[in-house]
Amino acid sequence: MKPANQIVDEIALAVRPRRGVAVVLTERPGETPNWMAAAGFMDLARNERFVTKVAALRKSTPVVDWTAVSERKGERRRVAKWLSEASSA
């Protein structure tokens, strides 16, 4: 099981959104997949990469580990990162 931070990094690095566009991963407790992804406005090429990467990750990693995430929006944990914050490690 991969940590939520790693999933958002993988998406950001695959999509390479323009400056000012964050990739957001939000927890879906009690569901499988237990996460959903979103991003701000992107051009068509980046949007296609986003959809493709998210679909692949939902198949390969439907359940992610949220234990290291403390930020919340309501009852759900979430991770938001810009490309410059994504780790390739």
PDB file of N, CA and C in Angstrom:
ATOM      1  N   MET A   1       0.854  -1.175   0.000  1.00  0.00           N
ATOM      2  CA  MET A   1       0.000   0.000   0.000  1.00  0.00           C
ATOM      3  C   MET A   1       0.901   1.240   0.000  1.00  0.00           C
ATOM      4  N   LYS A   2       0.657   2.123  -0.944  1.00  0.00           N
ATOM      5  CA  LYS A   2       1.453   3.338  -1.064  1.00  0.00           C
ATOM      6  C   LYS A   2       0.849   4.451  -0.212  1.00  0.00           C
ATOM      7  N   PRO A   3       1.701   5.346   0.304  1.00  0.00           N
ATOM      8  CA  PRO A   3       1.176   6.490   1.050  1.00  0.00           C
ATOM      9  C   PRO A   3       0.540   7.517   0.105  1.00  0.00           C
ATOM     10  N   ALA A   4      -0.430   8.248   0.618  1.00  0.00           N
ATOM     11  CA  ALA A   4      -1.147   9.257  -0.169  1.00  0.00           C
ATOM     12  C   ALA A   4      -0.193  10.273  -0.785  1.00  0.00           C
ATOM     13  N   ASN A   5       0.823  10.691  -0.040  1.00  0.00           N
ATOM     14  CA  ASN A   5       1.781  11.663  -0.565  1.00  0.00           C
ATOM     15  C   ASN A   5       2.502  11.134  -1.806  1.00  0.00           C
ATOM     16  N   GLN A   6       2.799   9.862  -1.829  1.00  0.00           N
ATOM     17  CA  GLN A   6       3.480   9.276  -2.985  1.00  0.00           C
ATOM     18  C   GLN A   6       2.552   9.274  -4.196  1.00  0.00           C
ATOM     19  N   ILE A   7       1.285   8.997  -3.996  1.00  0.00           N
ATOM     20  CA  ILE A   7       0.325   8.978  -5.108  1.00  0.00           C
ATOM     21  C   ILE A   7       0.189  10.363  -5.724  1.00  0.00           C
ATOM     22  N   VAL A   8       0.050  11.393  -4.893  1.00  0.00           N
ATOM     23  CA  VAL A   8      -0.083  12.748  -5.430  1.00  0.00           C
ATOM     24  C   VAL A   8       1.203  13.171  -6.147  1.00  0.00           C
ATOM     25  N   ASP A   9       2.356  12.751  -5.643  1.00  0.00           N
ATOM     26  CA  ASP A   9       3.625  13.025  -6.326  1.00  0.00           C
ATOM     27  C   ASP A   9       3.661  12.355  -7.699  1.00  0.00           C
ATOM     28  N   GLU A  10       3.258  11.095  -7.766  1.00  0.00           N
ATOM     29  CA  GLU A  10       3.256  10.368  -9.035  1.00  0.00           C
ATOM     30  C   GLU A  10       2.364  11.056 -10.061  1.00  0.00           C
ATOM     31  N   ILE A  11       1.216  11.517  -9.623  1.00  0.00           N
ATOM     32  CA  ILE A  11       0.299  12.197 -10.541  1.00  0.00           C
ATOM     33  C   ILE A  11       0.924  13.510 -11.017  1.00  0.00           C
ATOM     34  N   ALA A  12       1.424  14.304 -10.090  1.00  0.00           N
ATOM     35  CA  ALA A  12       2.010  15.603 -10.460  1.00  0.00           C
ATOM     36  C   ALA A  12       3.181  15.433 -11.423  1.00  0.00           C
ATOM     37  N   LEU A  13       4.037  14.452 -11.181  1.00  0.00           N
ATOM     38  CA  LEU A  13       5.203  14.248 -12.044  1.00  0.00           C
ATOM     39  C   LEU A  13       4.808  13.721 -13.421  1.00  0.00           C
ATOM     40  N   ALA A  14       3.737  12.948 -13.496  1.00  0.00           N
ATOM     41  CA  ALA A  14       3.278  12.432 -14.787  1.00  0.00           C
ATOM     42  C   ALA A  14       2.572  13.515 -15.603  1.00  0.00           C
ATOM     43  N   VAL A  15       1.823  14.360 -14.927  1.00  0.00           N
ATOM     44  CA  VAL A  15       1.020  15.379 -15.601  1.00  0.00           C
ATOM     45  C   VAL A  15       1.822  16.639 -15.888  1.00  0.00           C
ATOM     46  N   ARG A  16       2.685  17.031 -14.949  1.00  0.00           N
ATOM     47  CA  ARG A  16       3.479  18.252 -15.038  1.00  0.00           C
ATOM     48  C   ARG A  16       2.576  19.471 -15.241  1.00  0.00           C
ATOM     49  N   PRO A  17       1.631  19.695 -14.300  1.00  0.00           N
ATOM     50  CA  PRO A  17       0.718  20.836 -14.449  1.00  0.00           C
ATOM     51  C   PRO A  17       1.474  22.160 -14.456  1.00  0.00           C
ATOM     52  N   ARG A  18       0.896  23.144 -15.128  1.00  0.00           N
ATOM     53  CA  ARG A  18       1.536  24.449 -15.209  1.00  0.00           C
ATOM     54  C   ARG A  18       1.599  25.084 -13.824  1.00  0.00           C
ATOM     55  N   ARG A  19       2.444  26.087 -13.694  1.00  0.00           N
ATOM     56  CA  ARG A  19       2.618  26.779 -12.425  1.00  0.00           C
ATOM     57  C   ARG A  19       1.267  27.320 -11.943  1.00  0.00           C
ATOM     58  N   GLY A  20       1.006  27.126 -10.663  1.00  0.00           N
ATOM     59  CA  GLY A  20      -0.237  27.597 -10.069  1.00  0.00           C
ATOM     60  C   GLY A  20      -1.364  26.581 -10.052  1.00  0.00           C
ATOM     61  N   VAL A  21      -1.131  25.402 -10.640  1.00  0.00           N
ATOM     62  CA  VAL A  21      -2.155  24.353 -10.654  1.00  0.00           C
ATOM     63  C   VAL A  21      -1.715  23.232  -9.721  1.00  0.00           C
ATOM     64  N   ALA A  22      -2.499  22.998  -8.700  1.00  0.00           N
ATOM     65  CA  ALA A  22      -2.180  21.952  -7.727  1.00  0.00           C
ATOM     66  C   ALA A  22      -2.897  20.652  -8.087  1.00  0.00           C
ATOM     67  N   VAL A  23      -2.297  19.557  -7.669  1.00  0.00           N
ATOM     68  CA  VAL A  23      -2.931  18.242  -7.745  1.00  0.00           C
ATOM     69  C   VAL A  23      -3.390  17.917  -6.328  1.00  0.00           C
ATOM     70  N   VAL A  24      -4.629  17.486  -6.198  1.00  0.00           N
ATOM     71  CA  VAL A  24      -5.227  17.239  -4.883  1.00  0.00           C
ATOM     72  C   VAL A  24      -5.705  15.798  -4.804  1.00  0.00           C
ATOM     73  N   LEU A  25      -5.365  15.138  -3.716  1.00  0.00           N
ATOM     74  CA  LEU A  25      -5.846  13.792  -3.431  1.00  0.00           C
ATOM     75  C   LEU A  25      -6.697  13.886  -2.174  1.00  0.00           C
ATOM     76  N   THR A  26      -7.922  13.383  -2.242  1.00  0.00           N
ATOM     77  CA  THR A  26      -8.852  13.457  -1.119  1.00  0.00           C
ATOM     78  C   THR A  26      -9.273  12.053  -0.714  1.00  0.00           C
ATOM     79  N   GLU A  27      -9.321  11.844   0.578  1.00  0.00           N
ATOM     80  CA  GLU A  27      -9.699  10.546   1.137  1.00  0.00           C
ATOM     81  C   GLU A  27     -11.184  10.269   0.923  1.00  0.00           C
ATOM     82  N   ARG A  28     -11.492   9.006   0.664  1.00  0.00           N
ATOM     83  CA  ARG A  28     -12.873   8.518   0.586  1.00  0.00           C
ATOM     84  C   ARG A  28     -12.999   7.366   1.584  1.00  0.00           C
ATOM     85  N   PRO A  29     -13.204   7.681   2.862  1.00  0.00           N
ATOM     86  CA  PRO A  29     -13.241   6.628   3.885  1.00  0.00           C
ATOM     87  C   PRO A  29     -14.344   5.604   3.629  1.00  0.00           C
ATOM     88  N   GLY A  30     -14.002   4.345   3.825  1.00  0.00           N
ATOM     89  CA  GLY A  30     -14.967   3.266   3.700  1.00  0.00           C
ATOM     90  C   GLY A  30     -15.295   2.881   2.271  1.00  0.00           C
ATOM     91  N   GLU A  31     -14.594   3.425   1.298  1.00  0.00           N
ATOM     92  CA  GLU A  31     -14.845   3.106  -0.104  1.00  0.00           C
ATOM     93  C   GLU A  31     -13.583   2.543  -0.749  1.00  0.00           C
ATOM     94  N   THR A  32     -13.747   1.861  -1.852  1.00  0.00           N
ATOM     95  CA  THR A  32     -12.622   1.385  -2.641  1.00  0.00           C
ATOM     96  C   THR A  32     -12.878   1.778  -4.081  1.00  0.00           C
ATOM     97  N   PRO A  33     -11.980   2.552  -4.664  1.00  0.00           N
ATOM     98  CA  PRO A  33     -10.775   3.141  -4.116  1.00  0.00           C
ATOM     99  C   PRO A  33     -11.089   4.109  -2.970  1.00  0.00           C
ATOM    100  N   ASN A  34     -10.112   4.237  -2.051  1.00  0.00           N
ATOM    101  CA  ASN A  34     -10.309   5.103  -0.890  1.00  0.00           C
ATOM    102  C   ASN A  34      -9.760   6.503  -1.126  1.00  0.00           C
ATOM    103  N   TRP A  35      -9.663   6.893  -2.385  1.00  0.00           N
ATOM    104  CA  TRP A  35      -9.144   8.220  -2.723  1.00  0.00           C
ATOM    105  C   TRP A  35      -9.756   8.697  -4.036  1.00  0.00           C
ATOM    106  N   MET A  36      -9.747  10.028  -4.199  1.00  0.00           N
ATOM    107  CA  MET A  36     -10.126  10.633  -5.473  1.00  0.00           C
ATOM    108  C   MET A  36      -9.151  11.764  -5.751  1.00  0.00           C
ATOM    109  N   ALA A  37      -8.882  12.002  -7.022  1.00  0.00           N
ATOM    110  CA  ALA A  37      -7.911  13.011  -7.425  1.00  0.00           C
ATOM    111  C   ALA A  37      -8.606  14.137  -8.179  1.00  0.00           C
ATOM    112  N   ALA A  38      -8.027  15.322  -8.053  1.00  0.00           N
ATOM    113  CA  ALA A  38      -8.531  16.491  -8.776  1.00  0.00           C
ATOM    114  C   ALA A  38      -7.352  17.415  -9.063  1.00  0.00           C
ATOM    115  N   ALA A  39      -7.560  18.299 -10.015  1.00  0.00           N
ATOM    116  CA  ALA A  39      -6.549  19.297 -10.349  1.00  0.00           C
ATOM    117  C   ALA A  39      -7.261  20.512 -10.911  1.00  0.00           C
ATOM    118  N   GLY A  40      -6.556  21.627 -10.898  1.00  0.00           N
ATOM    119  CA  GLY A  40      -7.114  22.850 -11.459  1.00  0.00           C
ATOM    120  C   GLY A  40      -7.165  22.788 -12.974  1.00  0.00           C
ATOM    121  N   PHE A  41      -7.518  23.912 -13.586  1.00  0.00           N
ATOM    122  CA  PHE A  41      -7.651  24.004 -15.031  1.00  0.00           C
ATOM    123  C   PHE A  41      -6.320  23.717 -15.724  1.00  0.00           C
ATOM    124  N   MET A  42      -6.374  22.816 -16.713  1.00  0.00           N
ATOM    125  CA  MET A  42      -5.178  22.452 -17.471  1.00  0.00           C
ATOM    126  C   MET A  42      -5.526  22.396 -18.951  1.00  0.00           C
ATOM    127  N   ASP A  43      -4.512  22.514 -19.791  1.00  0.00           N
ATOM    128  CA  ASP A  43      -4.728  22.365 -21.225  1.00  0.00           C
ATOM    129  C   ASP A  43      -5.068  20.908 -21.530  1.00  0.00           C
ATOM    130  N   LEU A  44      -5.511  20.669 -22.757  1.00  0.00           N
ATOM    131  CA  LEU A  44      -5.990  19.348 -23.151  1.00  0.00           C
ATOM    132  C   LEU A  44      -4.947  18.249 -22.970  1.00  0.00           C
ATOM    133  N   ALA A  45      -3.704  18.498 -23.359  1.00  0.00           N
ATOM    134  CA  ALA A  45      -2.656  17.470 -23.247  1.00  0.00           C
ATOM    135  C   ALA A  45      -2.424  17.078 -21.790  1.00  0.00           C
ATOM    136  N   ARG A  46      -2.341  18.066 -20.915  1.00  0.00           N
ATOM    137  CA  ARG A  46      -2.137  17.768 -19.487  1.00  0.00           C
ATOM    138  C   ARG A  46      -3.360  17.078 -18.903  1.00  0.00           C
ATOM    139  N   ASN A  47      -4.539  17.509 -19.315  1.00  0.00           N
ATOM    140  CA  ASN A  47      -5.758  16.879 -18.814  1.00  0.00           C
ATOM    141  C   ASN A  47      -5.811  15.408 -19.230  1.00  0.00           C
ATOM    142  N   GLU A  48      -5.419  15.106 -20.447  1.00  0.00           N
ATOM    143  CA  GLU A  48      -5.388  13.709 -20.903  1.00  0.00           C
ATOM    144  C   GLU A  48      -4.390  12.894 -20.096  1.00  0.00           C
ATOM    145  N   ARG A  49      -3.221  13.464 -19.812  1.00  0.00           N
ATOM    146  CA  ARG A  49      -2.225  12.758 -18.983  1.00  0.00           C
ATOM    147  C   ARG A  49      -2.782  12.529 -17.577  1.00  0.00           C
ATOM    148  N   PHE A  50      -3.489  13.527 -17.038  1.00  0.00           N
ATOM    149  CA  PHE A  50      -4.083  13.408 -15.706  1.00  0.00           C
ATOM    150  C   PHE A  50      -5.084  12.246 -15.676  1.00  0.00           C
ATOM    151  N   VAL A  51      -6.005  12.226 -16.613  1.00  0.00           N
ATOM    152  CA  VAL A  51      -7.032  11.180 -16.656  1.00  0.00           C
ATOM    153  C   VAL A  51      -6.395   9.804 -16.800  1.00  0.00           C
ATOM    154  N   THR A  52      -5.409   9.694 -17.672  1.00  0.00           N
ATOM    155  CA  THR A  52      -4.725   8.416 -17.902  1.00  0.00           C
ATOM    156  C   THR A  52      -4.002   7.940 -16.649  1.00  0.00           C
ATOM    157  N   LYS A  53      -3.262   8.836 -15.999  1.00  0.00           N
ATOM    158  CA  LYS A  53      -2.495   8.458 -14.798  1.00  0.00           C
ATOM    159  C   LYS A  53      -3.424   8.078 -13.653  1.00  0.00           C
ATOM    160  N   VAL A  54      -4.470   8.865 -13.441  1.00  0.00           N
ATOM    161  CA  VAL A  54      -5.414   8.566 -12.351  1.00  0.00           C
ATOM    162  C   VAL A  54      -6.097   7.217 -12.601  1.00  0.00           C
ATOM    163  N   ALA A  55      -6.507   6.945 -13.825  1.00  0.00           N
ATOM    164  CA  ALA A  55      -7.150   5.663 -14.134  1.00  0.00           C
ATOM    165  C   ALA A  55      -6.204   4.500 -13.856  1.00  0.00           C
ATOM    166  N   ALA A  56      -4.952   4.647 -14.249  1.00  0.00           N
ATOM    167  CA  ALA A  56      -3.967   3.578 -14.008  1.00  0.00           C
ATOM    168  C   ALA A  56      -3.746   3.364 -12.511  1.00  0.00           C
ATOM    169  N   LEU A  57      -3.644   4.448 -11.758  1.00  0.00           N
ATOM    170  CA  LEU A  57      -3.416   4.322 -10.310  1.00  0.00           C
ATOM    171  C   LEU A  57      -4.641   3.764  -9.586  1.00  0.00           C
ATOM    172  N   ARG A  58      -5.823   4.087 -10.046  1.00  0.00           N
ATOM    173  CA  ARG A  58      -7.029   3.540  -9.410  1.00  0.00           C
ATOM    174  C   ARG A  58      -7.094   2.023  -9.589  1.00  0.00           C
ATOM    175  N   LYS A  59      -6.518   1.520 -10.685  1.00  0.00           N
ATOM    176  CA  LYS A  59      -6.457   0.074 -10.898  1.00  0.00           C
ATOM    177  C   LYS A  59      -5.323  -0.556 -10.092  1.00  0.00           C
ATOM    178  N   SER A  60      -4.130   0.058 -10.133  1.00  0.00           N
ATOM    179  CA  SER A  60      -2.959  -0.543  -9.490  1.00  0.00           C
ATOM    180  C   SER A  60      -2.908  -0.300  -7.983  1.00  0.00           C
ATOM    181  N   THR A  61      -3.459   0.802  -7.528  1.00  0.00           N
ATOM    182  CA  THR A  61      -3.384   1.174  -6.111  1.00  0.00           C
ATOM    183  C   THR A  61      -4.729   1.733  -5.645  1.00  0.00           C
ATOM    184  N   PRO A  62      -5.741   0.877  -5.530  1.00  0.00           N
ATOM    185  CA  PRO A  62      -7.055   1.383  -5.135  1.00  0.00           C
ATOM    186  C   PRO A  62      -7.142   1.827  -3.672  1.00  0.00           C
ATOM    187  N   VAL A  63      -6.246   1.311  -2.852  1.00  0.00           N
ATOM    188  CA  VAL A  63      -6.247   1.678  -1.441  1.00  0.00           C
ATOM    189  C   VAL A  63      -4.895   2.290  -1.092  1.00  0.00           C
ATOM    190  N   VAL A  64      -4.924   3.529  -0.595  1.00  0.00           N
ATOM    191  CA  VAL A  64      -3.691   4.203  -0.194  1.00  0.00           C
ATOM    192  C   VAL A  64      -3.683   4.395   1.318  1.00  0.00           C
ATOM    193  N   ASP A  65      -2.500   4.597   1.846  1.00  0.00           N
ATOM    194  CA  ASP A  65      -2.279   4.791   3.280  1.00  0.00           C
ATOM    195  C   ASP A  65      -2.376   6.282   3.606  1.00  0.00           C
ATOM    196  N   TRP A  66      -3.319   6.646   4.441  1.00  0.00           N
ATOM    197  CA  TRP A  66      -3.549   8.043   4.821  1.00  0.00           C
ATOM    198  C   TRP A  66      -2.966   8.389   6.181  1.00  0.00           C
ATOM    199  N   THR A  67      -2.268   7.478   6.843  1.00  0.00           N
ATOM    200  CA  THR A  67      -1.837   7.704   8.226  1.00  0.00           C
ATOM    201  C   THR A  67      -0.912   8.904   8.406  1.00  0.00           C
ATOM    202  N   ALA A  68      -0.107   9.247   7.405  1.00  0.00           N
ATOM    203  CA  ALA A  68       0.842  10.362   7.545  1.00  0.00           C
ATOM    204  C   ALA A  68       0.227  11.719   7.175  1.00  0.00           C
ATOM    205  N   VAL A  69      -1.040  11.733   6.812  1.00  0.00           N
ATOM    206  CA  VAL A  69      -1.697  12.972   6.376  1.00  0.00           C
ATOM    207  C   VAL A  69      -2.531  13.538   7.517  1.00  0.00           C
ATOM    208  N   SER A  70      -2.239  14.784   7.884  1.00  0.00           N
ATOM    209  CA  SER A  70      -2.998  15.417   8.971  1.00  0.00           C
ATOM    210  C   SER A  70      -3.963  16.490   8.464  1.00  0.00           C
ATOM    211  N   GLU A  71      -3.706  17.037   7.274  1.00  0.00           N
ATOM    212  CA  GLU A  71      -4.588  18.081   6.745  1.00  0.00           C
ATOM    213  C   GLU A  71      -5.957  17.487   6.433  1.00  0.00           C
ATOM    214  N   ARG A  72      -6.988  18.219   6.819  1.00  0.00           N
ATOM    215  CA  ARG A  72      -8.355  17.743   6.600  1.00  0.00           C
ATOM    216  C   ARG A  72      -9.206  18.813   5.946  1.00  0.00           C
ATOM    217  N   LYS A  73     -10.173  18.350   5.172  1.00  0.00           N
ATOM    218  CA  LYS A  73     -11.228  19.206   4.652  1.00  0.00           C
ATOM    219  C   LYS A  73     -12.507  18.531   5.115  1.00  0.00           C
ATOM    220  N   GLY A  74     -13.091  19.082   6.170  1.00  0.00           N
ATOM    221  CA  GLY A  74     -14.221  18.408   6.805  1.00  0.00           C
ATOM    222  C   GLY A  74     -13.722  17.154   7.487  1.00  0.00           C
ATOM    223  N   GLU A  75     -14.375  16.037   7.201  1.00  0.00           N
ATOM    224  CA  GLU A  75     -13.987  14.763   7.812  1.00  0.00           C
ATOM    225  C   GLU A  75     -12.953  14.002   6.991  1.00  0.00           C
ATOM    226  N   ARG A  76     -12.643  14.494   5.808  1.00  0.00           N
ATOM    227  CA  ARG A  76     -11.728  13.770   4.911  1.00  0.00           C
ATOM    228  C   ARG A  76     -10.334  14.376   4.923  1.00  0.00           C
ATOM    229  N   ARG A  77      -9.347  13.486   4.924  1.00  0.00           N
ATOM    230  CA  ARG A  77      -7.959  13.957   4.806  1.00  0.00           C
ATOM    231  C   ARG A  77      -7.677  14.272   3.342  1.00  0.00           C
ATOM    232  N   ARG A  78      -6.723  15.192   3.127  1.00  0.00           N
ATOM    233  CA  ARG A  78      -6.365  15.530   1.762  1.00  0.00           C
ATOM    234  C   ARG A  78      -4.928  15.985   1.660  1.00  0.00           C
ATOM    235  N   VAL A  79      -4.364  15.809   0.470  1.00  0.00           N
ATOM    236  CA  VAL A  79      -3.003  16.243   0.156  1.00  0.00           C
ATOM    237  C   VAL A  79      -3.106  17.097  -1.103  1.00  0.00           C
ATOM    238  N   ALA A  80      -2.520  18.277  -1.069  1.00  0.00           N
ATOM    239  CA  ALA A  80      -2.482  19.149  -2.243  1.00  0.00           C
ATOM    240  C   ALA A  80      -1.037  19.567  -2.477  1.00  0.00           C
ATOM    241  N   LYS A  81      -0.570  19.406  -3.717  1.00  0.00           N
ATOM    242  CA  LYS A  81       0.812  19.767  -4.038  1.00  0.00           C
ATOM    243  C   LYS A  81       0.887  20.395  -5.418  1.00  0.00           C
ATOM    244  N   TRP A  82       1.822  21.327  -5.539  1.00  0.00           N
ATOM    245  CA  TRP A  82       2.198  21.855  -6.838  1.00  0.00           C
ATOM    246  C   TRP A  82       3.339  21.007  -7.347  1.00  0.00           C
ATOM    247  N   LEU A  83       3.595  21.083  -8.647  1.00  0.00           N
ATOM    248  CA  LEU A  83       4.667  20.291  -9.239  1.00  0.00           C
ATOM    249  C   LEU A  83       5.998  20.528  -8.539  1.00  0.00           C
ATOM    250  N   SER A  84       6.275  21.787  -8.172  1.00  0.00           N
ATOM    251  CA  SER A  84       7.550  22.114  -7.513  1.00  0.00           C
ATOM    252  C   SER A  84       7.712  21.435  -6.153  1.00  0.00           C
ATOM    253  N   GLU A  85       6.615  20.958  -5.571  1.00  0.00           N
ATOM    254  CA  GLU A  85       6.671  20.282  -4.262  1.00  0.00           C
ATOM    255  C   GLU A  85       6.737  18.766  -4.397  1.00  0.00           C
ATOM    256  N   ALA A  86       6.495  18.251  -5.576  1.00  0.00           N
ATOM    257  CA  ALA A  86       6.466  16.800  -5.772  1.00  0.00           C
ATOM    258  C   ALA A  86       7.866  16.216  -5.679  1.00  0.00           C
ATOM    259  N   SER A  87       7.950  15.077  -5.039  1.00  0.00           N
ATOM    260  CA  SER A  87       9.229  14.395  -4.858  1.00  0.00           C
ATOM    261  C   SER A  87       9.343  13.250  -5.847  1.00  0.00           C
ATOM    262  N   SER A  88      10.465  13.183  -6.548  1.00  0.00           N
ATOM    263  CA  SER A  88      10.665  12.097  -7.505  1.00  0.00           C
ATOM    264  C   SER A  88      11.320  10.878  -6.861  1.00  0.00           C
ATOM    265  N   ALA A  89      11.545  10.930  -5.569  1.00  0.00           N
ATOM    266  CA  ALA A  89      12.225   9.830  -4.877  1.00  0.00           C
ATOM    267  C   ALA A  89      11.345   8.630  -4.691  1.00  0.00           C
TER     268      ALA A  89
END
